[in-house]
């Protein structure tokens, strides 16, 4: 099975519980297809760089997934038809990035 990082942006008028329900439904799709959701990181409501479907803000969610390619295809198909998700992107990675690794790299380069 491959490792994937998926970021989705949900509409700004949704509540936090509604966003959590969407993430839970997507996690169930992955589990039913034989995959596993390793981590879910909710980044919260952020400003968008430009309007997307009349939205100036969006709820960002990062999901780390270990699954076969067929599970990711079904996962993206479900997101495509969900009107509450305005954008998504799934990328295959060798290993999952860690927030602690990124902050330690930026600190090391600042010290040099």
N, C-alpha and C. Protein backbone atom coordinates (compact mmCIF):
# COMPACT_ATOMS: atom_id res chain seq x y z
N UNK A 1 0.84 -1.19 0.00
CA UNK A 1 0.00 0.00 0.00
C UNK A 1 0.88 1.24 0.00
N UNK A 2 0.37 2.28 -0.60
CA UNK A 2 1.10 3.52 -0.75
C UNK A 2 0.67 4.55 0.29
N UNK A 3 1.54 5.53 0.50
CA UNK A 3 1.24 6.64 1.41
C UNK A 3 0.76 7.84 0.60
N UNK A 4 -0.29 8.49 1.07
CA UNK A 4 -0.85 9.66 0.41
C UNK A 4 -1.10 10.75 1.43
N UNK A 5 -0.93 12.00 0.99
CA UNK A 5 -1.35 13.16 1.76
C UNK A 5 -2.45 13.84 0.97
N UNK A 6 -3.57 14.10 1.61
CA UNK A 6 -4.70 14.72 0.94
C UNK A 6 -5.12 15.95 1.72
N UNK A 7 -5.26 17.07 1.02
CA UNK A 7 -5.73 18.31 1.63
C UNK A 7 -7.06 18.65 0.97
N UNK A 8 -8.05 18.97 1.79
CA UNK A 8 -9.33 19.39 1.24
C UNK A 8 -9.71 20.72 1.87
N UNK A 9 -10.48 21.50 1.11
CA UNK A 9 -11.00 22.78 1.57
C UNK A 9 -12.52 22.69 1.53
N UNK A 10 -13.14 22.86 2.70
CA UNK A 10 -14.60 22.83 2.80
C UNK A 10 -15.13 24.26 2.84
N UNK A 11 -16.39 24.43 2.50
CA UNK A 11 -17.01 25.75 2.45
C UNK A 11 -16.91 26.47 3.79
N UNK A 12 -16.89 27.80 3.72
CA UNK A 12 -16.72 28.63 4.90
C UNK A 12 -17.94 28.65 5.81
N UNK A 13 -19.13 28.41 5.28
CA UNK A 13 -20.34 28.51 6.09
C UNK A 13 -20.66 27.23 6.87
N UNK A 14 -19.81 26.21 6.78
CA UNK A 14 -20.00 24.99 7.55
C UNK A 14 -19.45 25.17 8.95
N UNK A 15 -20.04 24.47 9.90
CA UNK A 15 -19.52 24.48 11.26
C UNK A 15 -18.43 23.43 11.41
N UNK A 16 -17.72 23.50 12.54
CA UNK A 16 -16.64 22.54 12.79
C UNK A 16 -17.17 21.11 12.87
N UNK A 17 -18.36 20.92 13.43
CA UNK A 17 -18.91 19.57 13.53
C UNK A 17 -19.27 19.02 12.16
N UNK A 18 -19.74 19.88 11.25
CA UNK A 18 -20.06 19.44 9.90
C UNK A 18 -18.80 19.04 9.14
N UNK A 19 -17.72 19.78 9.35
CA UNK A 19 -16.44 19.43 8.70
C UNK A 19 -15.95 18.10 9.25
N UNK A 20 -16.09 17.89 10.56
CA UNK A 20 -15.68 16.62 11.16
C UNK A 20 -16.51 15.46 10.61
N UNK A 21 -17.80 15.68 10.36
CA UNK A 21 -18.65 14.64 9.77
C UNK A 21 -18.19 14.28 8.36
N UNK A 22 -17.80 15.28 7.58
CA UNK A 22 -17.29 15.03 6.23
C UNK A 22 -16.02 14.20 6.30
N UNK A 23 -15.10 14.57 7.20
CA UNK A 23 -13.84 13.84 7.34
C UNK A 23 -14.11 12.41 7.80
N UNK A 24 -15.07 12.22 8.68
CA UNK A 24 -15.41 10.88 9.16
C UNK A 24 -15.98 10.02 8.03
N UNK A 25 -16.84 10.61 7.20
CA UNK A 25 -17.39 9.87 6.05
C UNK A 25 -16.28 9.47 5.08
N UNK A 26 -15.36 10.39 4.82
CA UNK A 26 -14.24 10.08 3.92
C UNK A 26 -13.33 9.01 4.52
N UNK A 27 -13.12 9.05 5.83
CA UNK A 27 -12.31 8.04 6.50
C UNK A 27 -12.96 6.67 6.38
N UNK A 28 -14.28 6.62 6.49
CA UNK A 28 -14.99 5.35 6.34
C UNK A 28 -14.86 4.79 4.93
N UNK A 29 -14.84 5.67 3.93
CA UNK A 29 -14.64 5.22 2.54
C UNK A 29 -13.28 4.56 2.40
N UNK A 30 -12.25 5.18 2.96
CA UNK A 30 -10.89 4.62 2.90
C UNK A 30 -10.84 3.27 3.61
N UNK A 31 -11.43 3.18 4.80
CA UNK A 31 -11.40 1.93 5.57
C UNK A 31 -12.16 0.82 4.85
N UNK A 32 -13.29 1.15 4.22
CA UNK A 32 -14.07 0.14 3.50
C UNK A 32 -13.34 -0.38 2.27
N UNK A 33 -12.45 0.42 1.71
CA UNK A 33 -11.68 0.01 0.53
C UNK A 33 -10.36 -0.67 0.90
N UNK A 34 -10.11 -0.87 2.19
CA UNK A 34 -8.92 -1.60 2.62
C UNK A 34 -7.75 -0.72 2.99
N UNK A 35 -7.98 0.56 3.20
CA UNK A 35 -6.91 1.48 3.59
C UNK A 35 -6.99 1.88 5.05
N UNK A 36 -6.16 2.84 5.42
CA UNK A 36 -6.10 3.30 6.80
C UNK A 36 -5.80 4.80 6.81
N UNK A 37 -6.54 5.54 7.62
CA UNK A 37 -6.26 6.97 7.80
C UNK A 37 -5.31 7.08 9.00
N UNK A 38 -4.08 7.49 8.73
CA UNK A 38 -3.06 7.53 9.77
C UNK A 38 -3.24 8.75 10.67
N UNK A 39 -3.51 9.91 10.07
CA UNK A 39 -3.63 11.14 10.85
C UNK A 39 -4.55 12.12 10.14
N UNK A 40 -5.31 12.84 10.93
CA UNK A 40 -6.16 13.92 10.41
C UNK A 40 -5.76 15.19 11.15
N UNK A 41 -5.39 16.21 10.39
CA UNK A 41 -4.96 17.48 10.98
C UNK A 41 -5.89 18.58 10.47
N UNK A 42 -6.72 19.11 11.34
CA UNK A 42 -7.66 20.16 10.98
C UNK A 42 -6.96 21.51 11.17
N UNK A 43 -6.74 22.22 10.07
CA UNK A 43 -6.04 23.50 10.13
C UNK A 43 -6.97 24.65 10.45
N UNK A 44 -8.27 24.44 10.37
CA UNK A 44 -9.24 25.46 10.72
C UNK A 44 -9.64 26.34 9.54
N UNK A 45 -10.32 27.43 9.86
CA UNK A 45 -10.83 28.37 8.86
C UNK A 45 -9.72 29.34 8.47
N UNK A 46 -9.36 29.36 7.19
CA UNK A 46 -8.29 30.22 6.69
C UNK A 46 -8.78 31.03 5.51
N UNK A 47 -8.13 32.16 5.26
CA UNK A 47 -8.43 32.97 4.08
C UNK A 47 -7.88 32.29 2.84
N UNK A 48 -8.64 32.37 1.76
CA UNK A 48 -8.19 31.86 0.47
C UNK A 48 -7.44 32.95 -0.27
N UNK A 49 -6.53 32.59 -1.14
CA UNK A 49 -5.78 33.57 -1.92
C UNK A 49 -6.68 34.28 -2.91
N UNK A 50 -7.70 33.61 -3.40
CA UNK A 50 -8.67 34.18 -4.32
C UNK A 50 -10.01 33.48 -4.10
N UNK A 51 -11.07 34.09 -4.56
CA UNK A 51 -12.40 33.51 -4.39
C UNK A 51 -12.53 32.20 -5.14
N UNK A 52 -13.16 31.23 -4.50
CA UNK A 52 -13.48 29.96 -5.13
C UNK A 52 -14.97 29.74 -4.89
N UNK A 53 -15.75 29.72 -5.96
CA UNK A 53 -17.19 29.53 -5.87
C UNK A 53 -17.82 30.49 -4.84
N UNK A 54 -17.44 31.76 -4.92
CA UNK A 54 -17.95 32.84 -4.07
C UNK A 54 -17.56 32.71 -2.60
N UNK A 55 -16.54 31.91 -2.29
CA UNK A 55 -16.05 31.76 -0.92
C UNK A 55 -14.73 32.50 -0.77
N UNK A 56 -14.61 33.30 0.28
CA UNK A 56 -13.35 33.98 0.58
C UNK A 56 -12.52 33.22 1.61
N UNK A 57 -13.15 32.32 2.35
CA UNK A 57 -12.47 31.52 3.37
C UNK A 57 -12.84 30.06 3.16
N UNK A 58 -12.09 29.18 3.85
CA UNK A 58 -12.39 27.76 3.77
C UNK A 58 -11.79 27.02 4.95
N UNK A 59 -12.42 25.89 5.30
CA UNK A 59 -11.90 25.01 6.35
C UNK A 59 -10.90 24.04 5.71
N UNK A 60 -9.64 24.12 6.12
CA UNK A 60 -8.59 23.26 5.58
C UNK A 60 -8.42 22.02 6.46
N UNK A 61 -8.29 20.86 5.82
CA UNK A 61 -8.07 19.60 6.54
C UNK A 61 -7.01 18.80 5.79
N UNK A 62 -5.99 18.32 6.51
CA UNK A 62 -4.94 17.46 5.96
C UNK A 62 -5.17 16.05 6.47
N UNK A 63 -5.14 15.08 5.55
CA UNK A 63 -5.30 13.68 5.93
C UNK A 63 -4.10 12.89 5.41
N UNK A 64 -3.47 12.13 6.30
CA UNK A 64 -2.42 11.20 5.91
C UNK A 64 -3.06 9.83 5.78
N UNK A 65 -2.90 9.21 4.61
CA UNK A 65 -3.62 7.98 4.28
C UNK A 65 -2.64 6.93 3.78
N UNK A 66 -2.83 5.69 4.23
CA UNK A 66 -2.14 4.54 3.69
C UNK A 66 -3.20 3.66 3.05
N UNK A 67 -3.15 3.52 1.73
CA UNK A 67 -4.22 2.80 1.03
C UNK A 67 -3.78 2.39 -0.36
N UNK A 68 -4.48 1.41 -0.95
CA UNK A 68 -4.22 1.08 -2.35
C UNK A 68 -4.77 2.17 -3.28
N UNK A 69 -4.34 2.18 -4.51
CA UNK A 69 -4.74 3.21 -5.47
C UNK A 69 -6.24 3.19 -5.73
N UNK A 70 -6.87 2.02 -5.69
CA UNK A 70 -8.31 1.94 -5.93
C UNK A 70 -9.09 2.65 -4.83
N UNK A 71 -8.59 2.61 -3.60
CA UNK A 71 -9.25 3.31 -2.48
C UNK A 71 -9.16 4.82 -2.67
N UNK A 72 -8.03 5.30 -3.16
CA UNK A 72 -7.86 6.74 -3.39
C UNK A 72 -8.76 7.20 -4.53
N UNK A 73 -8.94 6.36 -5.54
CA UNK A 73 -9.83 6.71 -6.65
C UNK A 73 -11.26 6.87 -6.15
N UNK A 74 -11.72 5.98 -5.30
CA UNK A 74 -13.07 6.07 -4.73
C UNK A 74 -13.17 7.28 -3.79
N UNK A 75 -12.13 7.52 -3.00
CA UNK A 75 -12.05 8.67 -2.08
C UNK A 75 -12.21 9.98 -2.84
N UNK A 76 -11.49 10.12 -3.95
CA UNK A 76 -11.58 11.34 -4.75
C UNK A 76 -12.91 11.45 -5.49
N UNK A 77 -13.49 10.33 -5.88
CA UNK A 77 -14.80 10.34 -6.53
C UNK A 77 -15.86 10.87 -5.57
N UNK A 78 -15.81 10.44 -4.32
CA UNK A 78 -16.76 10.91 -3.30
C UNK A 78 -16.57 12.41 -3.07
N UNK A 79 -15.31 12.88 -2.99
CA UNK A 79 -15.06 14.31 -2.77
C UNK A 79 -15.53 15.14 -3.95
N UNK A 80 -15.41 14.62 -5.16
CA UNK A 80 -15.81 15.35 -6.36
C UNK A 80 -17.30 15.66 -6.35
N UNK A 81 -18.12 14.74 -5.82
CA UNK A 81 -19.57 14.92 -5.82
C UNK A 81 -20.08 15.65 -4.59
N UNK A 82 -19.26 15.86 -3.58
CA UNK A 82 -19.68 16.53 -2.36
C UNK A 82 -19.64 18.04 -2.58
N UNK A 83 -20.79 18.69 -2.48
CA UNK A 83 -20.87 20.13 -2.75
C UNK A 83 -20.24 20.97 -1.64
N UNK A 84 -20.02 20.38 -0.47
CA UNK A 84 -19.41 21.12 0.64
C UNK A 84 -17.90 21.24 0.49
N UNK A 85 -17.29 20.41 -0.36
CA UNK A 85 -15.84 20.46 -0.60
C UNK A 85 -15.60 21.29 -1.86
N UNK A 86 -14.88 22.42 -1.69
CA UNK A 86 -14.68 23.30 -2.85
C UNK A 86 -13.38 22.99 -3.59
N UNK A 87 -12.38 22.44 -2.92
CA UNK A 87 -11.14 22.02 -3.57
C UNK A 87 -10.54 20.86 -2.78
N UNK A 88 -9.78 20.02 -3.49
CA UNK A 88 -9.04 18.94 -2.84
C UNK A 88 -7.83 18.60 -3.68
N UNK A 89 -6.83 18.03 -3.05
CA UNK A 89 -5.65 17.56 -3.76
C UNK A 89 -5.05 16.40 -2.98
N UNK A 90 -4.77 15.31 -3.68
CA UNK A 90 -4.17 14.13 -3.08
C UNK A 90 -2.85 13.86 -3.78
N UNK A 91 -1.79 13.67 -2.99
CA UNK A 91 -0.45 13.47 -3.54
C UNK A 91 0.16 12.22 -2.90
N UNK A 92 0.79 11.38 -3.72
CA UNK A 92 1.49 10.21 -3.20
C UNK A 92 2.85 10.65 -2.67
N UNK A 93 3.21 10.18 -1.47
CA UNK A 93 4.48 10.55 -0.84
C UNK A 93 5.22 9.29 -0.42
N UNK A 94 6.53 9.40 -0.28
CA UNK A 94 7.33 8.27 0.20
C UNK A 94 7.12 8.06 1.69
N UNK A 95 7.16 9.16 2.44
CA UNK A 95 6.89 9.10 3.87
C UNK A 95 6.14 10.37 4.26
N UNK A 96 5.39 10.28 5.35
CA UNK A 96 4.59 11.42 5.77
C UNK A 96 5.46 12.51 6.35
N UNK A 97 5.16 13.76 6.00
CA UNK A 97 5.88 14.88 6.59
C UNK A 97 5.35 15.10 8.00
N UNK A 98 6.22 15.57 8.87
CA UNK A 98 5.85 15.83 10.25
C UNK A 98 6.02 17.31 10.52
N UNK A 99 5.11 17.91 11.23
CA UNK A 99 5.18 19.35 11.52
C UNK A 99 6.43 19.67 12.33
N UNK A 100 6.86 18.75 13.18
CA UNK A 100 8.06 18.99 13.99
C UNK A 100 9.31 19.02 13.11
N UNK A 101 9.36 18.18 12.06
CA UNK A 101 10.51 18.17 11.16
C UNK A 101 10.62 19.50 10.42
N UNK A 102 9.52 20.05 9.97
CA UNK A 102 9.55 21.30 9.21
C UNK A 102 10.00 22.46 10.08
N UNK A 103 9.55 22.49 11.33
CA UNK A 103 9.95 23.59 12.21
C UNK A 103 11.41 23.47 12.61
N UNK A 104 11.93 22.25 12.78
CA UNK A 104 13.33 22.09 13.14
C UNK A 104 14.25 22.45 11.97
N UNK A 105 13.80 22.19 10.72
CA UNK A 105 14.60 22.56 9.56
C UNK A 105 14.68 24.07 9.41
N UNK A 106 13.57 24.76 9.64
CA UNK A 106 13.58 26.22 9.50
C UNK A 106 14.41 26.85 10.62
N UNK A 107 14.43 26.25 11.80
CA UNK A 107 15.24 26.75 12.90
C UNK A 107 16.72 26.54 12.60
N UNK A 108 17.06 25.40 12.01
CA UNK A 108 18.45 25.13 11.70
C UNK A 108 18.97 26.07 10.63
N UNK A 109 18.16 26.38 9.63
CA UNK A 109 18.62 27.28 8.59
C UNK A 109 18.71 28.71 9.10
N UNK A 110 17.91 29.08 10.08
CA UNK A 110 17.96 30.43 10.65
C UNK A 110 19.22 30.60 11.50
N UNK A 111 19.70 29.50 12.11
CA UNK A 111 20.88 29.59 12.96
C UNK A 111 22.14 29.75 12.13
N UNK A 112 22.13 29.30 10.88
CA UNK A 112 23.34 29.35 10.03
C UNK A 112 23.59 30.69 9.54
